[in-house]
PDB file of all heavy atoms in Angstrom:
ATOM      1  N   LEU A   1     230.818-167.373 -34.612  1.00  0.00           N
ATOM      2  CA  LEU A   1     230.816-167.714 -35.973  1.00  0.00           C
ATOM      3  C   LEU A   1     229.269-167.787 -36.281  1.00  0.00           C
ATOM      4  O   LEU A   1     228.423-168.409 -35.539  1.00  0.00           O
ATOM      5  CB  LEU A   1     231.250-169.111 -36.279  1.00  0.00           C
ATOM      6  CG  LEU A   1     231.195-169.682 -37.682  1.00  0.00           C
ATOM      7  CD1 LEU A   1     232.470-170.431 -38.225  1.00  0.00           C
ATOM      8  CD2 LEU A   1     230.013-170.618 -37.927  1.00  0.00           C
ATOM      9  N   SER A   2     228.910-167.089 -37.389  1.00  0.00           N
ATOM     10  CA  SER A   2     227.462-167.010 -37.881  1.00  0.00           C
ATOM     11  C   SER A   2     227.410-167.388 -39.282  1.00  0.00           C
ATOM     12  O   SER A   2     228.348-167.022 -40.034  1.00  0.00           O
ATOM     13  CB  SER A   2     226.909-165.635 -37.548  1.00  0.00           C
ATOM     14  OG  SER A   2     227.633-164.652 -38.401  1.00  0.00           O
ATOM     15  N   VAL A   3     226.402-167.994 -39.665  1.00  0.00           N
ATOM     16  CA  VAL A   3     226.102-168.540 -41.007  1.00  0.00           C
ATOM     17  C   VAL A   3     224.656-167.961 -41.377  1.00  0.00           C
ATOM     18  O   VAL A   3     223.647-168.342 -40.633  1.00  0.00           O
ATOM     19  CB  VAL A   3     226.143-169.998 -41.165  1.00  0.00           C
ATOM     20  CG1 VAL A   3     225.837-170.322 -42.763  1.00  0.00           C
ATOM     21  CG2 VAL A   3     227.522-170.623 -40.855  1.00  0.00           C
ATOM     22  N   ARG A   4     224.562-167.058 -42.361  1.00  0.00           N
ATOM     23  CA  ARG A   4     223.361-166.412 -42.753  1.00  0.00           C
ATOM     24  C   ARG A   4     222.978-166.830 -44.066  1.00  0.00           C
ATOM     25  O   ARG A   4     223.805-166.528 -45.067  1.00  0.00           O
ATOM     26  CB  ARG A   4     223.488-165.014 -42.450  1.00  0.00           C
ATOM     27  CG  ARG A   4     222.107-164.212 -42.907  1.00  0.00           C
ATOM     28  CD  ARG A   4     222.228-162.833 -42.378  1.00  0.00           C
ATOM     29  NE  ARG A   4     223.213-162.041 -43.047  1.00  0.00           N
ATOM     30  CZ  ARG A   4     223.029-161.388 -44.201  1.00  0.00           C
ATOM     31  NH1 ARG A   4     221.865-161.424 -44.866  1.00  0.00           N
ATOM     32  NH2 ARG A   4     224.105-160.726 -44.677  1.00  0.00           N
ATOM     33  N   ASP A   5     221.830-167.356 -44.303  1.00  0.00           N
ATOM     34  CA  ASP A   5     221.399-167.581 -45.722  1.00  0.00           C
ATOM     35  C   ASP A   5     220.104-166.549 -46.029  1.00  0.00           C
ATOM     36  O   ASP A   5     219.623-165.926 -45.128  1.00  0.00           O
ATOM     37  CB  ASP A   5     220.963-169.056 -45.950  1.00  0.00           C
ATOM     38  CG  ASP A   5     219.787-169.396 -45.179  1.00  0.00           C
ATOM     39  OD1 ASP A   5     218.627-168.957 -45.399  1.00  0.00           O
ATOM     40  OD2 ASP A   5     219.910-170.224 -44.235  1.00  0.00           O
ATOM     41  N   GLU A   6     219.685-166.449 -47.267  1.00  0.00           N
ATOM     42  CA  GLU A   6     218.527-165.745 -47.583  1.00  0.00           C
ATOM     43  C   GLU A   6     217.356-166.514 -48.211  1.00  0.00           C
ATOM     44  O   GLU A   6     216.839-166.110 -49.148  1.00  0.00           O
ATOM     45  CB  GLU A   6     218.959-164.511 -48.527  1.00  0.00           C
ATOM     46  CG  GLU A   6     220.064-163.631 -47.952  1.00  0.00           C
ATOM     47  CD  GLU A   6     220.631-162.546 -48.880  1.00  0.00           C
ATOM     48  OE1 GLU A   6     219.946-162.355 -49.964  1.00  0.00           O
ATOM     49  OE2 GLU A   6     221.515-161.926 -48.658  1.00  0.00           O
ATOM     50  N   GLY A   7     217.473-167.730 -47.625  1.00  0.00           N
ATOM     51  CA  GLY A   7     216.415-168.687 -48.308  1.00  0.00           C
ATOM     52  C   GLY A   7     215.058-168.599 -47.789  1.00  0.00           C
ATOM     53  O   GLY A   7     214.507-167.492 -47.351  1.00  0.00           O
ATOM     54  N   ILE A   8     214.438-169.876 -47.623  1.00  0.00           N
ATOM     55  CA  ILE A   8     212.934-169.936 -47.272  1.00  0.00           C
ATOM     56  C   ILE A   8     212.660-169.575 -45.724  1.00  0.00           C
ATOM     57  O   ILE A   8     211.509-169.334 -45.305  1.00  0.00           O
ATOM     58  CB  ILE A   8     212.328-171.270 -47.545  1.00  0.00           C
ATOM     59  CG1 ILE A   8     213.249-172.413 -46.815  1.00  0.00           C
ATOM     60  CG2 ILE A   8     212.445-171.570 -49.040  1.00  0.00           C
ATOM     61  CD1 ILE A   8     212.650-173.810 -46.940  1.00  0.00           C
ATOM     62  N   GLY A   9     213.745-169.605 -44.958  1.00  0.00           N
ATOM     63  CA  GLY A   9     213.532-169.335 -43.479  1.00  0.00           C
ATOM     64  C   GLY A   9     212.823-170.418 -42.751  1.00  0.00           C
ATOM     65  O   GLY A   9     212.497-171.501 -43.336  1.00  0.00           O
ATOM     66  N   ILE A  10     212.623-170.286 -41.460  1.00  0.00           N
ATOM     67  CA  ILE A  10     212.015-171.277 -40.558  1.00  0.00           C
ATOM     68  C   ILE A  10     210.690-170.599 -39.933  1.00  0.00           C
ATOM     69  O   ILE A  10     210.770-169.468 -39.460  1.00  0.00           O
ATOM     70  CB  ILE A  10     212.928-171.573 -39.468  1.00  0.00           C
ATOM     71  CG1 ILE A  10     214.288-172.147 -40.148  1.00  0.00           C
ATOM     72  CG2 ILE A  10     212.380-172.735 -38.559  1.00  0.00           C
ATOM     73  CD1 ILE A  10     215.336-172.311 -38.960  1.00  0.00           C
ATOM     74  N   PRO A  11     209.549-171.326 -40.123  1.00  0.00           N
ATOM     75  CA  PRO A  11     208.340-170.801 -39.524  1.00  0.00           C
ATOM     76  C   PRO A  11     208.559-170.466 -37.982  1.00  0.00           C
ATOM     77  O   PRO A  11     209.376-171.127 -37.300  1.00  0.00           O
ATOM     78  CB  PRO A  11     207.323-171.945 -39.541  1.00  0.00           C
ATOM     79  CG  PRO A  11     207.755-172.679 -40.800  1.00  0.00           C
ATOM     80  CD  PRO A  11     209.344-172.610 -40.701  1.00  0.00           C
ATOM     81  N   HIS A  12     208.034-169.335 -37.476  1.00  0.00           N
ATOM     82  CA  HIS A  12     208.064-168.998 -36.014  1.00  0.00           C
ATOM     83  C   HIS A  12     207.849-170.042 -35.103  1.00  0.00           C
ATOM     84  O   HIS A  12     208.444-170.322 -34.096  1.00  0.00           O
ATOM     85  CB  HIS A  12     207.187-167.773 -35.799  1.00  0.00           C
ATOM     86  CG  HIS A  12     207.633-166.482 -36.470  1.00  0.00           C
ATOM     87  ND1 HIS A  12     208.953-165.892 -36.367  1.00  0.00           N
ATOM     88  CD2 HIS A  12     206.944-165.737 -37.501  1.00  0.00           C
ATOM     89  CE1 HIS A  12     209.030-164.844 -37.171  1.00  0.00           C
ATOM     90  NE2 HIS A  12     207.846-164.814 -37.937  1.00  0.00           N
ATOM     91  N   GLU A  13     206.797-170.857 -35.394  1.00  0.00           N
ATOM     92  CA  GLU A  13     206.174-171.887 -34.496  1.00  0.00           C
ATOM     93  C   GLU A  13     207.314-173.005 -34.464  1.00  0.00           C
ATOM     94  O   GLU A  13     207.339-173.857 -33.354  1.00  0.00           O
ATOM     95  CB  GLU A  13     204.829-172.483 -34.814  1.00  0.00           C
ATOM     96  CG  GLU A  13     204.839-173.055 -36.052  1.00  0.00           C
ATOM     97  CD  GLU A  13     204.506-172.115 -37.209  1.00  0.00           C
ATOM     98  OE1 GLU A  13     204.682-170.930 -37.108  1.00  0.00           O
ATOM     99  OE2 GLU A  13     204.114-172.582 -38.355  1.00  0.00           O
ATOM    100  N   ASP A  14     208.107-173.186 -35.396  1.00  0.00           N
ATOM    101  CA  ASP A  14     209.076-174.419 -35.433  1.00  0.00           C
ATOM    102  C   ASP A  14     210.438-173.910 -34.755  1.00  0.00           C
ATOM    103  O   ASP A  14     211.154-174.754 -34.594  1.00  0.00           O
ATOM    104  CB  ASP A  14     209.278-174.760 -36.906  1.00  0.00           C
ATOM    105  CG  ASP A  14     208.042-175.507 -37.417  1.00  0.00           C
ATOM    106  OD1 ASP A  14     207.292-176.010 -36.523  1.00  0.00           O
ATOM    107  OD2 ASP A  14     207.946-175.485 -38.692  1.00  0.00           O
ATOM    108  N   GLN A  15     210.861-172.614 -34.696  1.00  0.00           N
ATOM    109  CA  GLN A  15     212.131-172.206 -34.275  1.00  0.00           C
ATOM    110  C   GLN A  15     212.504-172.707 -32.833  1.00  0.00           C
ATOM    111  O   GLN A  15     213.600-173.019 -32.718  1.00  0.00           O
ATOM    112  CB  GLN A  15     212.121-170.679 -34.409  1.00  0.00           C
ATOM    113  CG  GLN A  15     212.113-170.151 -35.799  1.00  0.00           C
ATOM    114  CD  GLN A  15     212.349-168.758 -35.804  1.00  0.00           C
ATOM    115  OE1 GLN A  15     212.790-167.964 -35.055  1.00  0.00           O
ATOM    116  NE2 GLN A  15     211.712-168.065 -36.990  1.00  0.00           N
ATOM    117  N   PRO A  16     211.588-172.690 -31.961  1.00  0.00           N
ATOM    118  CA  PRO A  16     211.917-173.209 -30.556  1.00  0.00           C
ATOM    119  C   PRO A  16     212.293-174.665 -30.595  1.00  0.00           C
ATOM    120  O   PRO A  16     213.086-175.078 -29.640  1.00  0.00           O
ATOM    121  CB  PRO A  16     210.748-172.942 -29.606  1.00  0.00           C
ATOM    122  CG  PRO A  16     209.992-171.840 -30.436  1.00  0.00           C
ATOM    123  CD  PRO A  16     210.245-172.133 -31.893  1.00  0.00           C
ATOM    124  N   ARG A  17     211.927-175.465 -31.582  1.00  0.00           N
ATOM    125  CA  ARG A  17     212.189-176.818 -31.586  1.00  0.00           C
ATOM    126  C   ARG A  17     213.296-177.350 -32.541  1.00  0.00           C
ATOM    127  O   ARG A  17     213.549-178.401 -32.749  1.00  0.00           O
ATOM    128  CB  ARG A  17     210.768-177.656 -31.859  1.00  0.00           C
ATOM    129  CG  ARG A  17     209.721-177.398 -30.901  1.00  0.00           C
ATOM    130  CD  ARG A  17     208.431-178.194 -31.353  1.00  0.00           C
ATOM    131  NE  ARG A  17     208.721-179.554 -31.383  1.00  0.00           N
ATOM    132  CZ  ARG A  17     208.593-180.290 -32.459  1.00  0.00           C
ATOM    133  NH1 ARG A  17     208.258-179.698 -33.595  1.00  0.00           N
ATOM    134  NH2 ARG A  17     208.817-181.612 -32.552  1.00  0.00           N
ATOM    135  N   VAL A  18     213.758-176.203 -33.161  1.00  0.00           N
ATOM    136  CA  VAL A  18     214.700-176.632 -34.296  1.00  0.00           C
ATOM    137  C   VAL A  18     215.922-177.428 -33.894  1.00  0.00           C
ATOM    138  O   VAL A  18     216.542-178.183 -34.677  1.00  0.00           O
ATOM    139  CB  VAL A  18     215.191-175.339 -35.079  1.00  0.00           C
ATOM    140  CG1 VAL A  18     216.170-174.516 -34.349  1.00  0.00           C
ATOM    141  CG2 VAL A  18     215.480-175.653 -36.566  1.00  0.00           C
ATOM    142  N   PHE A  19     216.326-177.408 -32.613  1.00  0.00           N
ATOM    143  CA  PHE A  19     217.554-178.048 -32.193  1.00  0.00           C
ATOM    144  C   PHE A  19     217.147-179.414 -31.515  1.00  0.00           C
ATOM    145  O   PHE A  19     218.039-180.101 -30.909  1.00  0.00           O
ATOM    146  CB  PHE A  19     218.302-177.270 -31.232  1.00  0.00           C
ATOM    147  CG  PHE A  19     219.071-176.055 -31.862  1.00  0.00           C
ATOM    148  CD1 PHE A  19     218.437-174.713 -31.675  1.00  0.00           C
ATOM    149  CD2 PHE A  19     220.102-176.155 -32.708  1.00  0.00           C
ATOM    150  CE1 PHE A  19     219.140-173.631 -32.269  1.00  0.00           C
ATOM    151  CE2 PHE A  19     220.817-175.101 -33.258  1.00  0.00           C
ATOM    152  CZ  PHE A  19     220.253-173.795 -33.148  1.00  0.00           C
ATOM    153  N   GLU A  20     215.853-179.745 -31.537  1.00  0.00           N
ATOM    154  CA  GLU A  20     215.550-181.056 -31.010  1.00  0.00           C
ATOM    155  C   GLU A  20     215.784-182.177 -32.018  1.00  0.00           C
ATOM    156  O   GLU A  20     215.931-182.001 -33.134  1.00  0.00           O
ATOM    157  CB  GLU A  20     213.894-181.136 -30.672  1.00  0.00           C
ATOM    158  CG  GLU A  20     213.616-179.992 -29.500  1.00  0.00           C
ATOM    159  CD  GLU A  20     212.171-180.033 -29.236  1.00  0.00           C
ATOM    160  OE1 GLU A  20     211.409-181.019 -29.838  1.00  0.00           O
ATOM    161  OE2 GLU A  20     211.677-179.140 -28.641  1.00  0.00           O
ATOM    162  N   ARG A  21     216.037-183.375 -31.363  1.00  0.00           N
ATOM    163  CA  ARG A  21     216.355-184.477 -32.335  1.00  0.00           C
ATOM    164  C   ARG A  21     215.137-184.903 -33.085  1.00  0.00           C
ATOM    165  O   ARG A  21     213.981-184.765 -32.559  1.00  0.00           O
ATOM    166  CB  ARG A  21     216.880-185.678 -31.437  1.00  0.00           C
ATOM    167  CG  ARG A  21     215.814-186.407 -30.702  1.00  0.00           C
ATOM    168  CD  ARG A  21     216.465-187.585 -29.895  1.00  0.00           C
ATOM    169  NE  ARG A  21     217.146-186.926 -28.619  1.00  0.00           N
ATOM    170  CZ  ARG A  21     217.891-187.725 -27.834  1.00  0.00           C
ATOM    171  NH1 ARG A  21     218.126-189.079 -28.158  1.00  0.00           N
ATOM    172  NH2 ARG A  21     218.392-187.207 -26.755  1.00  0.00           N
ATOM    173  N   PHE A  22     215.348-185.348 -34.291  1.00  0.00           N
ATOM    174  CA  PHE A  22     214.263-185.821 -35.238  1.00  0.00           C
ATOM    175  C   PHE A  22     213.405-184.630 -35.694  1.00  0.00           C
ATOM    176  O   PHE A  22     212.422-184.872 -36.320  1.00  0.00           O
ATOM    177  CB  PHE A  22     213.323-186.892 -34.638  1.00  0.00           C
ATOM    178  CG  PHE A  22     214.179-188.019 -33.974  1.00  0.00           C
ATOM    179  CD1 PHE A  22     213.835-188.524 -32.712  1.00  0.00           C
ATOM    180  CD2 PHE A  22     215.379-188.531 -34.510  1.00  0.00           C
ATOM    181  CE1 PHE A  22     214.396-189.494 -32.097  1.00  0.00           C
ATOM    182  CE2 PHE A  22     216.089-189.567 -33.870  1.00  0.00           C
ATOM    183  CZ  PHE A  22     215.584-190.101 -32.740  1.00  0.00           C
ATOM    184  N   VAL A  23     213.889-183.468 -35.447  1.00  0.00           N
ATOM    185  CA  VAL A  23     213.118-182.267 -35.959  1.00  0.00           C
ATOM    186  C   VAL A  23     213.810-181.715 -37.149  1.00  0.00           C
ATOM    187  O   VAL A  23     215.071-181.240 -36.855  1.00  0.00           O
ATOM    188  CB  VAL A  23     212.893-181.252 -34.846  1.00  0.00           C
ATOM    189  CG1 VAL A  23     212.189-179.971 -35.437  1.00  0.00           C
ATOM    190  CG2 VAL A  23     212.055-181.902 -33.820  1.00  0.00           C
ATOM    191  N   ARG A  24     213.259-181.529 -38.261  1.00  0.00           N
ATOM    192  CA  ARG A  24     213.924-181.022 -39.315  1.00  0.00           C
ATOM    193  C   ARG A  24     213.360-179.369 -39.519  1.00  0.00           C
ATOM    194  O   ARG A  24     212.327-179.051 -39.223  1.00  0.00           O
ATOM    195  CB  ARG A  24     213.549-181.644 -40.648  1.00  0.00           C
ATOM    196  CG  ARG A  24     214.122-183.002 -40.770  1.00  0.00           C
ATOM    197  CD  ARG A  24     213.810-183.722 -41.984  1.00  0.00           C
ATOM    198  NE  ARG A  24     212.426-184.203 -41.897  1.00  0.00           N
ATOM    199  CZ  ARG A  24     211.755-184.724 -42.967  1.00  0.00           C
ATOM    200  NH1 ARG A  24     212.346-184.889 -44.008  1.00  0.00           N
ATOM    201  NH2 ARG A  24     210.428-185.029 -42.769  1.00  0.00           N
ATOM    202  N   ALA A  25     214.389-178.559 -39.950  1.00  0.00           N
ATOM    203  CA  ALA A  25     214.137-177.160 -39.968  1.00  0.00           C
ATOM    204  C   ALA A  25     212.952-176.888 -40.891  1.00  0.00           C
ATOM    205  O   ALA A  25     212.062-176.033 -40.613  1.00  0.00           O
ATOM    206  CB  ALA A  25     215.342-176.393 -40.653  1.00  0.00           C
ATOM    207  N   VAL A  26     212.826-177.744 -42.022  1.00  0.00           N
ATOM    208  CA  VAL A  26     211.707-177.582 -42.942  1.00  0.00           C
ATOM    209  C   VAL A  26     211.150-179.049 -43.042  1.00  0.00           C
ATOM    210  O   VAL A  26     211.995-179.907 -43.412  1.00  0.00           O
ATOM    211  CB  VAL A  26     211.948-177.026 -44.231  1.00  0.00           C
ATOM    212  CG1 VAL A  26     210.775-177.045 -45.170  1.00  0.00           C
ATOM    213  CG2 VAL A  26     212.406-175.480 -44.070  1.00  0.00           C
ATOM    214  N   SER A  27     210.001-179.349 -42.742  1.00  0.00           N
ATOM    215  CA  SER A  27     209.357-180.669 -42.652  1.00  0.00           C
ATOM    216  C   SER A  27     209.168-181.440 -44.028  1.00  0.00           C
ATOM    217  O   SER A  27     208.957-182.629 -44.036  1.00  0.00           O
ATOM    218  CB  SER A  27     208.261-180.772 -41.679  1.00  0.00           C
ATOM    219  OG  SER A  27     207.175-179.974 -42.307  1.00  0.00           O
ATOM    220  N   GLU A  28     209.179-180.633 -45.072  1.00  0.00           N
ATOM    221  CA  GLU A  28     208.778-181.252 -46.368  1.00  0.00           C
ATOM    222  C   GLU A  28     209.877-182.388 -46.666  1.00  0.00           C
ATOM    223  O   GLU A  28     211.031-182.206 -46.596  1.00  0.00           O
ATOM    224  CB  GLU A  28     208.770-180.250 -47.489  1.00  0.00           C
ATOM    225  CG  GLU A  28     207.566-179.237 -47.529  1.00  0.00           C
ATOM    226  CD  GLU A  28     207.574-178.266 -46.531  1.00  0.00           C
ATOM    227  OE1 GLU A  28     208.674-178.073 -45.761  1.00  0.00           O
ATOM    228  OE2 GLU A  28     206.662-177.346 -46.472  1.00  0.00           O
ATOM    229  N   ARG A  29     209.240-183.523 -47.235  1.00  0.00           N
ATOM    230  CA  ARG A  29     210.129-184.583 -47.506  1.00  0.00           C
ATOM    231  C   ARG A  29     211.240-184.286 -48.517  1.00  0.00           C
ATOM    232  O   ARG A  29     212.315-184.821 -48.541  1.00  0.00           O
ATOM    233  CB  ARG A  29     209.131-185.775 -47.910  1.00  0.00           C
ATOM    234  CG  ARG A  29     209.918-187.080 -48.291  1.00  0.00           C
ATOM    235  CD  ARG A  29     210.705-187.574 -47.153  1.00  0.00           C
ATOM    236  NE  ARG A  29     209.786-188.050 -46.150  1.00  0.00           N
ATOM    237  CZ  ARG A  29     209.185-189.306 -46.080  1.00  0.00           C
ATOM    238  NH1 ARG A  29     209.393-190.215 -47.039  1.00  0.00           N
ATOM    239  NH2 ARG A  29     208.415-189.637 -45.177  1.00  0.00           N
ATOM    240  N   ASN A  30     210.896-183.379 -49.554  1.00  0.00           N
ATOM    241  CA  ASN A  30     211.785-183.164 -50.624  1.00  0.00           C
ATOM    242  C   ASN A  30     213.082-182.491 -50.148  1.00  0.00           C
ATOM    243  O   ASN A  30     214.163-182.455 -50.994  1.00  0.00           O
ATOM    244  CB  ASN A  30     211.193-182.250 -51.763  1.00  0.00           C
ATOM    245  CG  ASN A  30     210.690-180.956 -51.203  1.00  0.00           C
ATOM    246  OD1 ASN A  30     209.906-180.915 -50.169  1.00  0.00           O
ATOM    247  ND2 ASN A  30     211.045-179.858 -51.897  1.00  0.00           N
ATOM    248  N   TYR A  31     213.140-182.017 -49.039  1.00  0.00           N
ATOM    249  CA  TYR A  31     214.440-181.523 -48.537  1.00  0.00           C
ATOM    250  C   TYR A  31     215.304-182.561 -47.904  1.00  0.00           C
ATOM    251  O   TYR A  31     216.512-182.402 -47.616  1.00  0.00           O
ATOM    252  CB  TYR A  31     214.267-180.162 -47.438  1.00  0.00           C
ATOM    253  CG  TYR A  31     213.818-179.043 -48.120  1.00  0.00           C
ATOM    254  CD1 TYR A  31     212.498-178.617 -48.181  1.00  0.00           C
ATOM    255  CD2 TYR A  31     214.832-178.149 -48.708  1.00  0.00           C
ATOM    256  CE1 TYR A  31     212.179-177.507 -48.835  1.00  0.00           C
ATOM    257  CE2 TYR A  31     214.539-177.003 -49.204  1.00  0.00           C
ATOM    258  CZ  TYR A  31     213.078-176.628 -49.422  1.00  0.00           C
ATOM    259  OH  TYR A  31     212.878-175.575 -49.996  1.00  0.00           O
ATOM    260  N   GLY A  32     214.731-183.588 -47.514  1.00  0.00           N
ATOM    261  CA  GLY A  32     215.551-184.714 -47.030  1.00  0.00           C
ATOM    262  C   GLY A  32     216.159-184.441 -45.542  1.00  0.00           C
ATOM    263  O   GLY A  32     215.875-183.441 -45.040  1.00  0.00           O
ATOM    264  N   GLY A  33     216.979-185.478 -45.156  1.00  0.00           N
ATOM    265  CA  GLY A  33     217.580-185.278 -43.775  1.00  0.00           C
ATOM    266  C   GLY A  33     216.880-186.032 -42.704  1.00  0.00           C
ATOM    267  O   GLY A  33     215.610-186.299 -42.702  1.00  0.00           O
ATOM    268  N   LEU A  34     217.558-186.532 -41.720  1.00  0.00           N
ATOM    269  CA  LEU A  34     217.064-187.194 -40.615  1.00  0.00           C
ATOM    270  C   LEU A  34     216.592-186.317 -39.405  1.00  0.00           C
ATOM    271  O   LEU A  34     215.960-186.854 -38.465  1.00  0.00           O
ATOM    272  CB  LEU A  34     218.093-188.266 -40.035  1.00  0.00           C
ATOM    273  CG  LEU A  34     218.641-189.371 -40.905  1.00  0.00           C
ATOM    274  CD1 LEU A  34     219.663-190.129 -40.270  1.00  0.00           C
ATOM    275  CD2 LEU A  34     217.413-190.241 -41.171  1.00  0.00           C
TER     276      LEU A  34
END
């Protein structure tokens, strides 16, 4: 199953850590999330 969007994407340097706890795909506060 794949889910593809055409949005802002994820910076290359953040992609290896995107599945770690407390790491948000985009760190800006206005996107929210834990």
